[in-house]
PDB file of N, CA and C in Angstrom:
ATOM      1  N   MET A   1     -42.462 -40.744  15.312  1.00  0.00           N
ATOM      2  CA  MET A   1     -42.433 -39.623  14.237  1.00  0.00           C
ATOM      3  C   MET A   1     -43.938 -39.241  14.017  1.00  0.00           C
ATOM      4  N   ALA A   2     -44.298 -38.256  13.865  1.00  0.00           N
ATOM      5  CA  ALA A   2     -45.535 -37.607  13.534  1.00  0.00           C
ATOM      6  C   ALA A   2     -46.030 -37.724  12.325  1.00  0.00           C
ATOM      7  N   THR A   3     -47.448 -38.314  12.301  1.00  0.00           N
ATOM      8  CA  THR A   3     -47.927 -38.441  10.972  1.00  0.00           C
ATOM      9  C   THR A   3     -48.580 -36.987  10.441  1.00  0.00           C
ATOM     10  N   ARG A   4     -48.413 -36.420   9.197  1.00  0.00           N
ATOM     11  CA  ARG A   4     -48.541 -35.210   8.802  1.00  0.00           C
ATOM     12  C   ARG A   4     -49.826 -35.566   7.936  1.00  0.00           C
ATOM     13  N   TYR A   5     -50.846 -34.456   8.126  1.00  0.00           N
ATOM     14  CA  TYR A   5     -52.042 -34.739   7.435  1.00  0.00           C
ATOM     15  C   TYR A   5     -51.665 -33.760   5.993  1.00  0.00           C
ATOM     16  N   THR A   6     -52.017 -34.570   4.889  1.00  0.00           N
ATOM     17  CA  THR A   6     -51.747 -33.766   3.436  1.00  0.00           C
ATOM     18  C   THR A   6     -52.893 -33.226   2.830  1.00  0.00           C
ATOM     19  N   ALA A   7     -53.096 -32.102   2.796  1.00  0.00           N
ATOM     20  CA  ALA A   7     -54.450 -31.465   2.035  1.00  0.00           C
ATOM     21  C   ALA A   7     -54.051 -31.455   0.397  1.00  0.00           C
ATOM     22  N   GLU A   8     -54.970 -31.471  -0.211  1.00  0.00           N
ATOM     23  CA  GLU A   8     -54.555 -30.705  -1.752  1.00  0.00           C
ATOM     24  C   GLU A   8     -54.005 -29.539  -1.705  1.00  0.00           C
ATOM     25  N   GLN A   9     -52.892 -29.418  -2.721  1.00  0.00           N
ATOM     26  CA  GLN A   9     -52.163 -28.330  -2.866  1.00  0.00           C
ATOM     27  C   GLN A   9     -51.982 -27.714  -4.140  1.00  0.00           C
ATOM     28  N   ILE A  10     -51.886 -26.236  -4.301  1.00  0.00           N
ATOM     29  CA  ILE A  10     -51.906 -25.727  -5.386  1.00  0.00           C
ATOM     30  C   ILE A  10     -50.357 -25.043  -5.574  1.00  0.00           C
ATOM     31  N   ALA A  11     -50.207 -24.673  -6.871  1.00  0.00           N
ATOM     32  CA  ALA A  11     -49.005 -23.832  -7.129  1.00  0.00           C
ATOM     33  C   ALA A  11     -49.318 -22.247  -6.568  1.00  0.00           C
ATOM     34  N   PHE A  12     -48.372 -21.582  -6.054  1.00  0.00           N
ATOM     35  CA  PHE A  12     -48.956 -20.348  -5.777  1.00  0.00           C
ATOM     36  C   PHE A  12     -47.648 -19.546  -6.031  1.00  0.00           C
ATOM     37  N   ARG A  13     -48.061 -18.561  -6.913  1.00  0.00           N
ATOM     38  CA  ARG A  13     -46.620 -17.691  -7.612  1.00  0.00           C
ATOM     39  C   ARG A  13     -46.979 -16.357  -7.018  1.00  0.00           C
ATOM     40  N   TYR A  14     -45.878 -15.721  -6.624  1.00  0.00           N
ATOM     41  CA  TYR A  14     -45.873 -14.233  -6.082  1.00  0.00           C
ATOM     42  C   TYR A  14     -45.736 -13.463  -7.406  1.00  0.00           C
ATOM     43  N   ARG A  15     -46.097 -12.363  -7.290  1.00  0.00           N
ATOM     44  CA  ARG A  15     -46.228 -11.454  -8.475  1.00  0.00           C
ATOM     45  C   ARG A  15     -44.693 -10.520  -8.602  1.00  0.00           C
ATOM     46  N   VAL A  16     -44.650  -9.947  -9.628  1.00  0.00           N
ATOM     47  CA  VAL A  16     -43.204  -9.471 -10.043  1.00  0.00           C
ATOM     48  C   VAL A  16     -43.571  -7.894  -9.203  1.00  0.00           C
ATOM     49  N   THR A  17     -44.603  -7.590  -9.387  1.00  0.00           N
ATOM     50  CA  THR A  17     -45.023  -6.279  -8.744  1.00  0.00           C
ATOM     51  C   THR A  17     -46.149  -6.358  -7.675  1.00  0.00           C
ATOM     52  N   ASP A  18     -46.241  -5.591  -7.100  1.00  0.00           N
ATOM     53  CA  ASP A  18     -47.616  -5.551  -6.221  1.00  0.00           C
ATOM     54  C   ASP A  18     -48.692  -4.935  -6.797  1.00  0.00           C
ATOM     55  N   SER A  19     -49.934  -5.469  -6.840  1.00  0.00           N
ATOM     56  CA  SER A  19     -51.226  -4.938  -7.537  1.00  0.00           C
ATOM     57  C   SER A  19     -52.567  -5.380  -6.714  1.00  0.00           C
ATOM     58  N   PRO A  20     -53.527  -4.915  -7.344  1.00  0.00           N
ATOM     59  CA  PRO A  20     -54.594  -5.362  -6.741  1.00  0.00           C
ATOM     60  C   PRO A  20     -55.016  -6.850  -6.726  1.00  0.00           C
ATOM     61  N   SER A  21     -54.400  -7.508  -7.913  1.00  0.00           N
ATOM     62  CA  SER A  21     -54.486  -9.001  -7.935  1.00  0.00           C
ATOM     63  C   SER A  21     -53.380  -9.797  -7.428  1.00  0.00           C
ATOM     64  N   GLY A  22     -52.543  -9.171  -6.835  1.00  0.00           N
ATOM     65  CA  GLY A  22     -51.293 -10.027  -5.987  1.00  0.00           C
ATOM     66  C   GLY A  22     -50.381  -9.408  -5.605  1.00  0.00           C
ATOM     67  N   VAL A  23     -49.433  -9.928  -4.693  1.00  0.00           N
ATOM     68  CA  VAL A  23     -48.233  -9.275  -4.061  1.00  0.00           C
ATOM     69  C   VAL A  23     -46.811 -10.099  -4.290  1.00  0.00           C
ATOM     70  N   THR A  24     -45.849  -9.229  -4.348  1.00  0.00           N
ATOM     71  CA  THR A  24     -44.412  -9.897  -4.291  1.00  0.00           C
ATOM     72  C   THR A  24     -44.367 -10.557  -3.319  1.00  0.00           C
ATOM     73  N   ARG A  25     -42.904 -11.518  -3.203  1.00  0.00           N
ATOM     74  CA  ARG A  25     -42.539 -12.140  -2.122  1.00  0.00           C
ATOM     75  C   ARG A  25     -42.181 -11.178  -0.908  1.00  0.00           C
ATOM     76  N   ASP A  26     -41.698 -10.019  -1.296  1.00  0.00           N
ATOM     77  CA  ASP A  26     -41.050  -9.390  -0.204  1.00  0.00           C
ATOM     78  C   ASP A  26     -42.182  -8.612   0.532  1.00  0.00           C
ATOM     79  N   THR A  27     -43.331  -8.251  -0.148  1.00  0.00           N
ATOM     80  CA  THR A  27     -44.698  -7.650   0.451  1.00  0.00           C
ATOM     81  C   THR A  27     -45.220  -8.813   1.478  1.00  0.00           C
ATOM     82  N   ALA A  28     -45.106 -10.183   0.831  1.00  0.00           N
ATOM     83  CA  ALA A  28     -45.700 -11.243   1.689  1.00  0.00           C
ATOM     84  C   ALA A  28     -44.561 -11.248   2.979  1.00  0.00           C
ATOM     85  N   LYS A  29     -43.370 -11.285   2.978  1.00  0.00           N
ATOM     86  CA  LYS A  29     -42.484 -11.660   3.950  1.00  0.00           C
ATOM     87  C   LYS A  29     -42.881 -10.385   4.880  1.00  0.00           C
ATOM     88  N   ARG A  30     -42.859  -9.290   4.630  1.00  0.00           N
ATOM     89  CA  ARG A  30     -42.967  -8.049   5.500  1.00  0.00           C
ATOM     90  C   ARG A  30     -44.483  -8.379   6.275  1.00  0.00           C
ATOM     91  N   ILE A  31     -45.438  -8.608   5.576  1.00  0.00           N
ATOM     92  CA  ILE A  31     -46.656  -8.983   6.147  1.00  0.00           C
ATOM     93  C   ILE A  31     -46.562  -9.932   7.191  1.00  0.00           C
ATOM     94  N   ALA A  32     -45.899 -10.983   6.836  1.00  0.00           N
ATOM     95  CA  ALA A  32     -45.579 -12.167   7.929  1.00  0.00           C
ATOM     96  C   ALA A  32     -44.942 -11.857   9.106  1.00  0.00           C
ATOM     97  N   GLU A  33     -44.000 -11.138   8.716  1.00  0.00           N
ATOM     98  CA  GLU A  33     -43.085 -10.519   9.981  1.00  0.00           C
ATOM     99  C   GLU A  33     -44.069  -9.510  10.613  1.00  0.00           C
ATOM    100  N   GLN A  34     -44.637  -8.634  10.241  1.00  0.00           N
ATOM    101  CA  GLN A  34     -45.422  -7.877  11.034  1.00  0.00           C
ATOM    102  C   GLN A  34     -46.757  -8.675  11.839  1.00  0.00           C
ATOM    103  N   LEU A  35     -47.083  -9.838  11.326  1.00  0.00           N
ATOM    104  CA  LEU A  35     -47.829 -10.357  11.793  1.00  0.00           C
ATOM    105  C   LEU A  35     -47.370 -11.451  13.104  1.00  0.00           C
ATOM    106  N   GLY A  36     -45.975 -11.586  12.886  1.00  0.00           N
ATOM    107  CA  GLY A  36     -45.335 -12.530  13.608  1.00  0.00           C
ATOM    108  C   GLY A  36     -45.489 -14.200  13.272  1.00  0.00           C
ATOM    109  N   VAL A  37     -45.711 -14.310  11.862  1.00  0.00           N
ATOM    110  CA  VAL A  37     -46.080 -15.626  11.614  1.00  0.00           C
ATOM    111  C   VAL A  37     -45.153 -16.084  10.230  1.00  0.00           C
ATOM    112  N   ASP A  38     -45.327 -17.122   9.838  1.00  0.00           N
ATOM    113  CA  ASP A  38     -44.517 -17.252   8.479  1.00  0.00           C
ATOM    114  C   ASP A  38     -45.461 -16.976   7.544  1.00  0.00           C
ATOM    115  N   GLU A  39     -44.835 -17.087   6.079  1.00  0.00           N
ATOM    116  CA  GLU A  39     -45.432 -16.595   4.931  1.00  0.00           C
ATOM    117  C   GLU A  39     -46.689 -17.467   4.589  1.00  0.00           C
ATOM    118  N   THR A  40     -46.616 -18.734   4.959  1.00  0.00           N
ATOM    119  CA  THR A  40     -47.811 -19.586   4.627  1.00  0.00           C
ATOM    120  C   THR A  40     -49.076 -19.325   5.408  1.00  0.00           C
ATOM    121  N   GLN A  41     -48.792 -18.851   6.746  1.00  0.00           N
ATOM    122  CA  GLN A  41     -49.701 -18.540   7.510  1.00  0.00           C
ATOM    123  C   GLN A  41     -50.289 -17.219   7.178  1.00  0.00           C
ATOM    124  N   ALA A  42     -49.409 -16.345   6.926  1.00  0.00           N
ATOM    125  CA  ALA A  42     -49.959 -15.083   6.381  1.00  0.00           C
ATOM    126  C   ALA A  42     -50.804 -15.135   5.074  1.00  0.00           C
ATOM    127  N   ILE A  43     -50.364 -15.826   4.377  1.00  0.00           N
ATOM    128  CA  ILE A  43     -51.512 -16.252   3.131  1.00  0.00           C
ATOM    129  C   ILE A  43     -52.624 -16.876   3.696  1.00  0.00           C
ATOM    130  N   HIS A  44     -52.561 -17.827   4.474  1.00  0.00           N
ATOM    131  CA  HIS A  44     -53.815 -18.425   5.024  1.00  0.00           C
ATOM    132  C   HIS A  44     -54.796 -17.315   5.794  1.00  0.00           C
ATOM    133  N   ARG A  45     -54.165 -16.329   6.670  1.00  0.00           N
ATOM    134  CA  ARG A  45     -54.858 -15.161   7.357  1.00  0.00           C
ATOM    135  C   ARG A  45     -55.348 -14.451   6.441  1.00  0.00           C
ATOM    136  N   ALA A  46     -54.889 -13.987   5.355  1.00  0.00           N
ATOM    137  CA  ALA A  46     -55.315 -13.294   4.126  1.00  0.00           C
ATOM    138  C   ALA A  46     -56.843 -13.570   3.416  1.00  0.00           C
ATOM    139  N   LEU A  47     -56.616 -15.039   3.320  1.00  0.00           N
ATOM    140  CA  LEU A  47     -57.773 -15.715   2.562  1.00  0.00           C
ATOM    141  C   LEU A  47     -58.864 -16.069   3.364  1.00  0.00           C
ATOM    142  N   HIS A  48     -58.723 -16.211   4.695  1.00  0.00           N
ATOM    143  CA  HIS A  48     -59.544 -16.247   5.571  1.00  0.00           C
ATOM    144  C   HIS A  48     -60.444 -14.769   5.790  1.00  0.00           C
ATOM    145  N   GLU A  49     -59.630 -14.005   5.993  1.00  0.00           N
ATOM    146  CA  GLU A  49     -60.385 -12.662   6.035  1.00  0.00           C
ATOM    147  C   GLU A  49     -61.214 -12.331   4.716  1.00  0.00           C
ATOM    148  N   LEU A  50     -60.712 -12.591   3.588  1.00  0.00           N
ATOM    149  CA  LEU A  50     -61.238 -12.457   2.266  1.00  0.00           C
ATOM    150  C   LEU A  50     -62.654 -13.341   2.463  1.00  0.00           C
ATOM    151  N   ALA A  51     -62.680 -14.627   2.911  1.00  0.00           N
ATOM    152  CA  ALA A  51     -63.662 -15.415   2.843  1.00  0.00           C
ATOM    153  C   ALA A  51     -64.793 -14.937   3.663  1.00  0.00           C
ATOM    154  N   LEU A  52     -64.439 -14.377   4.842  1.00  0.00           N
ATOM    155  CA  LEU A  52     -65.566 -13.753   5.769  1.00  0.00           C
ATOM    156  C   LEU A  52     -66.187 -12.527   5.169  1.00  0.00           C
ATOM    157  N   ARG A  53     -65.267 -11.763   4.228  1.00  0.00           N
ATOM    158  CA  ARG A  53     -66.079 -10.605   3.612  1.00  0.00           C
ATOM    159  C   ARG A  53     -66.592 -11.025   2.370  1.00  0.00           C
ATOM    160  N   VAL A  54     -66.419 -11.767   1.503  1.00  0.00           N
ATOM    161  CA  VAL A  54     -67.103 -12.230   0.362  1.00  0.00           C
ATOM    162  C   VAL A  54     -68.267 -13.622   0.497  1.00  0.00           C
ATOM    163  N   LEU A  55     -67.869 -14.407   1.422  1.00  0.00           N
ATOM    164  CA  LEU A  55     -68.672 -15.780   1.410  1.00  0.00           C
ATOM    165  C   LEU A  55     -69.908 -15.474   2.564  1.00  0.00           C
ATOM    166  N   PRO A  56     -71.035 -15.878   2.024  1.00  0.00           N
ATOM    167  CA  PRO A  56     -72.288 -16.230   3.304  1.00  0.00           C
ATOM    168  C   PRO A  56     -71.736 -16.763   4.515  1.00  0.00           C
ATOM    169  N   GLN A  57     -71.809 -16.325   5.585  1.00  0.00           N
ATOM    170  CA  GLN A  57     -71.453 -17.023   6.679  1.00  0.00           C
ATOM    171  C   GLN A  57     -72.718 -17.711   7.388  1.00  0.00           C
ATOM    172  N   TYR A  58     -73.874 -17.965   6.592  1.00  0.00           N
ATOM    173  CA  TYR A  58     -74.857 -18.554   7.128  1.00  0.00           C
ATOM    174  C   TYR A  58     -75.762 -19.505   5.845  1.00  0.00           C
ATOM    175  N   GLU A  59     -76.350 -20.138   6.428  1.00  0.00           N
ATOM    176  CA  GLU A  59     -77.074 -21.002   5.387  1.00  0.00           C
ATOM    177  C   GLU A  59     -78.409 -19.948   4.958  1.00  0.00           C
ATOM    178  N   PRO A  60     -78.649 -19.888   3.534  1.00  0.00           N
ATOM    179  CA  PRO A  60     -79.956 -19.147   3.370  1.00  0.00           C
ATOM    180  C   PRO A  60     -81.264 -19.741   3.919  1.00  0.00           C
ATOM    181  N   ASP A  61     -82.054 -18.975   4.536  1.00  0.00           N
ATOM    182  CA  ASP A  61     -83.300 -19.533   5.142  1.00  0.00           C
ATOM    183  C   ASP A  61     -84.641 -19.633   4.102  1.00  0.00           C
ATOM    184  N   ASP A  62     -85.729 -20.011   4.507  1.00  0.00           N
ATOM    185  CA  ASP A  62     -86.697 -20.076   3.413  1.00  0.00           C
ATOM    186  C   ASP A  62     -87.382 -18.944   2.912  1.00  0.00           C
ATOM    187  N   GLY A  63     -87.031 -17.734   3.332  1.00  0.00           N
ATOM    188  CA  GLY A  63     -87.710 -16.545   3.241  1.00  0.00           C
ATOM    189  C   GLY A  63     -88.441 -16.135   4.471  1.00  0.00           C
ATOM    190  N   PRO A  64     -89.610 -15.034   4.071  1.00  0.00           N
ATOM    191  CA  PRO A  64     -90.349 -14.795   5.214  1.00  0.00           C
ATOM    192  C   PRO A  64     -91.173 -15.722   5.805  1.00  0.00           C
ATOM    193  N   LEU A  65     -91.715 -15.415   7.036  1.00  0.00           N
ATOM    194  CA  LEU A  65     -92.662 -16.250   7.492  1.00  0.00           C
ATOM    195  C   LEU A  65     -93.965 -16.188   7.138  1.00  0.00           C
ATOM    196  N   SER A  66     -95.038 -17.041   6.867  1.00  0.00           N
ATOM    197  CA  SER A  66     -96.147 -17.307   6.491  1.00  0.00           C
ATOM    198  C   SER A  66     -96.751 -16.738   7.332  1.00  0.00           C
ATOM    199  N   ALA A  67     -98.264 -16.496   7.239  1.00  0.00           N
ATOM    200  CA  ALA A  67     -99.207 -15.659   8.179  1.00  0.00           C
ATOM    201  C   ALA A  67     -99.667 -16.695   9.304  1.00  0.00           C
ATOM    202  N   ALA A  68     -99.504 -18.177   8.832  1.00  0.00           N
ATOM    203  CA  ALA A  68     -99.747 -19.270   9.467  1.00  0.00           C
ATOM    204  C   ALA A  68     -98.622 -19.539  10.710  1.00  0.00           C
ATOM    205  N   GLN A  69     -97.623 -19.263  10.101  1.00  0.00           N
ATOM    206  CA  GLN A  69     -96.384 -19.384  10.890  1.00  0.00           C
ATOM    207  C   GLN A  69     -96.266 -18.137  12.093  1.00  0.00           C
ATOM    208  N   MET A  70     -96.781 -17.227  11.706  1.00  0.00           N
ATOM    209  CA  MET A  70     -96.804 -15.925  12.534  1.00  0.00           C
ATOM    210  C   MET A  70     -97.888 -16.153  13.449  1.00  0.00           C
ATOM    211  N   ARG A  71     -99.250 -16.581  13.150  1.00  0.00           N
ATOM    212  CA  ARG A  71    -100.172 -17.037  14.099  1.00  0.00           C
ATOM    213  C   ARG A  71     -99.678 -18.290  15.374  1.00  0.00           C
ATOM    214  N   GLN A  72     -99.015 -18.981  14.658  1.00  0.00           N
ATOM    215  CA  GLN A  72     -98.397 -20.098  15.676  1.00  0.00           C
ATOM    216  C   GLN A  72     -97.311 -19.402  16.449  1.00  0.00           C
ATOM    217  N   ILE A  73     -96.571 -18.661  16.115  1.00  0.00           N
ATOM    218  CA  ILE A  73     -95.641 -18.118  17.251  1.00  0.00           C
ATOM    219  C   ILE A  73     -96.302 -17.178  18.292  1.00  0.00           C
ATOM    220  N   LYS A  74     -97.472 -16.617  17.726  1.00  0.00           N
ATOM    221  CA  LYS A  74     -98.148 -15.533  18.566  1.00  0.00           C
ATOM    222  C   LYS A  74     -98.851 -16.273  19.727  1.00  0.00           C
ATOM    223  N   LYS A  75     -99.466 -17.518  18.963  1.00  0.00           N
ATOM    224  CA  LYS A  75    -100.454 -18.515  19.986  1.00  0.00           C
ATOM    225  C   LYS A  75     -99.226 -19.074  21.006  1.00  0.00           C
ATOM    226  N   MET A  76     -97.892 -19.724  20.639  1.00  0.00           N
ATOM    227  CA  MET A  76     -97.149 -19.903  21.444  1.00  0.00           C
ATOM    228  C   MET A  76     -96.510 -19.077  22.431  1.00  0.00           C
ATOM    229  N   ALA A  77     -96.618 -17.622  22.343  1.00  0.00           N
ATOM    230  CA  ALA A  77     -95.966 -16.643  23.152  1.00  0.00           C
ATOM    231  C   ALA A  77     -96.417 -16.662  24.493  1.00  0.00           C
ATOM    232  N   PRO A  78     -95.872 -16.322  25.487  1.00  0.00           N
ATOM    233  CA  PRO A  78     -96.453 -16.354  26.696  1.00  0.00           C
ATOM    234  C   PRO A  78     -97.390 -15.088  26.725  1.00  0.00           C
ATOM    235  N   GLN A  79     -98.514 -15.131  27.249  1.00  0.00           N
ATOM    236  CA  GLN A  79     -99.552 -14.131  27.403  1.00  0.00           C
ATOM    237  C   GLN A  79     -99.490 -13.721  28.886  1.00  0.00           C
ATOM    238  N   GLY A  80     -99.609 -12.272  28.812  1.00  0.00           N
ATOM    239  CA  GLY A  80     -99.599 -11.495  29.959  1.00  0.00           C
ATOM    240  C   GLY A  80    -100.420 -10.239  29.854  1.00  0.00           C
ATOM    241  N   LYS A  81    -100.313  -9.456  30.491  1.00  0.00           N
ATOM    242  CA  LYS A  81    -101.312  -8.129  30.780  1.00  0.00           C
ATOM    243  C   LYS A  81    -100.640  -7.128  29.498  1.00  0.00           C
ATOM    244  N   LEU A  82     -99.406  -7.131  29.583  1.00  0.00           N
ATOM    245  CA  LEU A  82     -99.084  -6.176  28.506  1.00  0.00           C
ATOM    246  C   LEU A  82     -98.842  -6.849  27.312  1.00  0.00           C
ATOM    247  N   ARG A  83     -99.539  -6.545  26.303  1.00  0.00           N
ATOM    248  CA  ARG A  83     -99.332  -7.315  24.953  1.00  0.00           C
ATOM    249  C   ARG A  83     -99.155  -6.231  24.013  1.00  0.00           C
ATOM    250  N   SER A  84     -98.437  -5.116  24.402  1.00  0.00           N
ATOM    251  CA  SER A  84     -98.572  -4.183  23.196  1.00  0.00           C
ATOM    252  C   SER A  84     -96.891  -3.891  22.542  1.00  0.00           C
ATOM    253  N   VAL A  85     -95.947  -4.745  22.729  1.00  0.00           N
ATOM    254  CA  VAL A  85     -94.945  -4.906  22.517  1.00  0.00           C
ATOM    255  C   VAL A  85     -94.964  -5.263  20.834  1.00  0.00           C
ATOM    256  N   ARG A  86     -94.459  -4.361  20.141  1.00  0.00           N
ATOM    257  CA  ARG A  86     -94.103  -4.373  18.865  1.00  0.00           C
ATOM    258  C   ARG A  86     -92.887  -4.781  17.925  1.00  0.00           C
ATOM    259  N   SER A  87     -92.652  -5.668  17.351  1.00  0.00           N
ATOM    260  CA  SER A  87     -91.563  -6.269  16.670  1.00  0.00           C
ATOM    261  C   SER A  87     -91.578  -5.801  15.424  1.00  0.00           C
ATOM    262  N   SER A  88     -89.937  -5.251  14.813  1.00  0.00           N
ATOM    263  CA  SER A  88     -89.910  -5.150  13.433  1.00  0.00           C
ATOM    264  C   SER A  88     -89.175  -6.422  13.000  1.00  0.00           C
ATOM    265  N   LEU A  89     -88.829  -7.263  13.684  1.00  0.00           N
ATOM    266  CA  LEU A  89     -88.035  -8.293  13.375  1.00  0.00           C
ATOM    267  C   LEU A  89     -88.766  -9.289  12.404  1.00  0.00           C
ATOM    268  N   PHE A  90     -90.030  -9.286  12.396  1.00  0.00           N
ATOM    269  CA  PHE A  90     -90.894 -10.205  11.546  1.00  0.00           C
ATOM    270  C   PHE A  90     -91.802  -9.328  10.720  1.00  0.00           C
ATOM    271  N   ASP A  91     -91.906  -9.404   9.240  1.00  0.00           N
ATOM    272  CA  ASP A  91     -92.713  -8.664   8.424  1.00  0.00           C
ATOM    273  C   ASP A  91     -93.978  -9.632   8.111  1.00  0.00           C
ATOM    274  N   ILE A  92     -95.125  -9.262   8.426  1.00  0.00           N
ATOM    275  CA  ILE A  92     -96.410  -9.877   8.481  1.00  0.00           C
ATOM    276  C   ILE A  92     -96.884  -9.927   6.875  1.00  0.00           C
ATOM    277  N   GLU A  93     -96.451  -8.805   6.306  1.00  0.00           N
ATOM    278  CA  GLU A  93     -97.008  -8.648   5.058  1.00  0.00           C
ATOM    279  C   GLU A  93     -95.661  -8.494   3.970  1.00  0.00           C
ATOM    280  N   PRO A  94     -95.719  -9.233   2.986  1.00  0.00           N
ATOM    281  CA  PRO A  94     -94.377  -9.422   1.936  1.00  0.00           C
ATOM    282  C   PRO A  94     -94.027  -8.014   1.614  1.00  0.00           C
ATOM    283  N   ALA A  95     -92.824  -7.672   1.825  1.00  0.00           N
ATOM    284  CA  ALA A  95     -92.250  -6.243   0.943  1.00  0.00           C
ATOM    285  C   ALA A  95     -93.010  -6.012  -0.024  1.00  0.00           C
ATOM    286  N   LYS A  96     -93.086  -4.943  -0.252  1.00  0.00           N
ATOM    287  CA  LYS A  96     -93.687  -4.200  -1.645  1.00  0.00           C
ATOM    288  C   LYS A  96     -92.638  -4.231  -2.820  1.00  0.00           C
ATOM    289  N   LYS A  97     -92.875  -4.798  -3.865  1.00  0.00           N
ATOM    290  CA  LYS A  97     -91.552  -4.434  -5.206  1.00  0.00           C
ATOM    291  C   LYS A  97     -91.738  -3.287  -5.732  1.00  0.00           C
TER     292      LYS A  97
END
């Protein structure tokens, strides 16, 4: 017999009518049928898509590079004859407010 992992659970209540803050069970069933999954999986997929839209997908960095960091990067970069490549990736001066 397989052991099932039990995660924390919440009560989920469908709405009486569809609105921007919820859906009816009928709508959830129709979505699940369209996706070829069960209702629970349809809810998880919807929450996953919402998470991708509203939550940061990366850790915030420490902000712009300092002048010393830029000098170090330039010092470590391979040196060749053509050194006229300009990058807009790094801003040497802080942005003006």
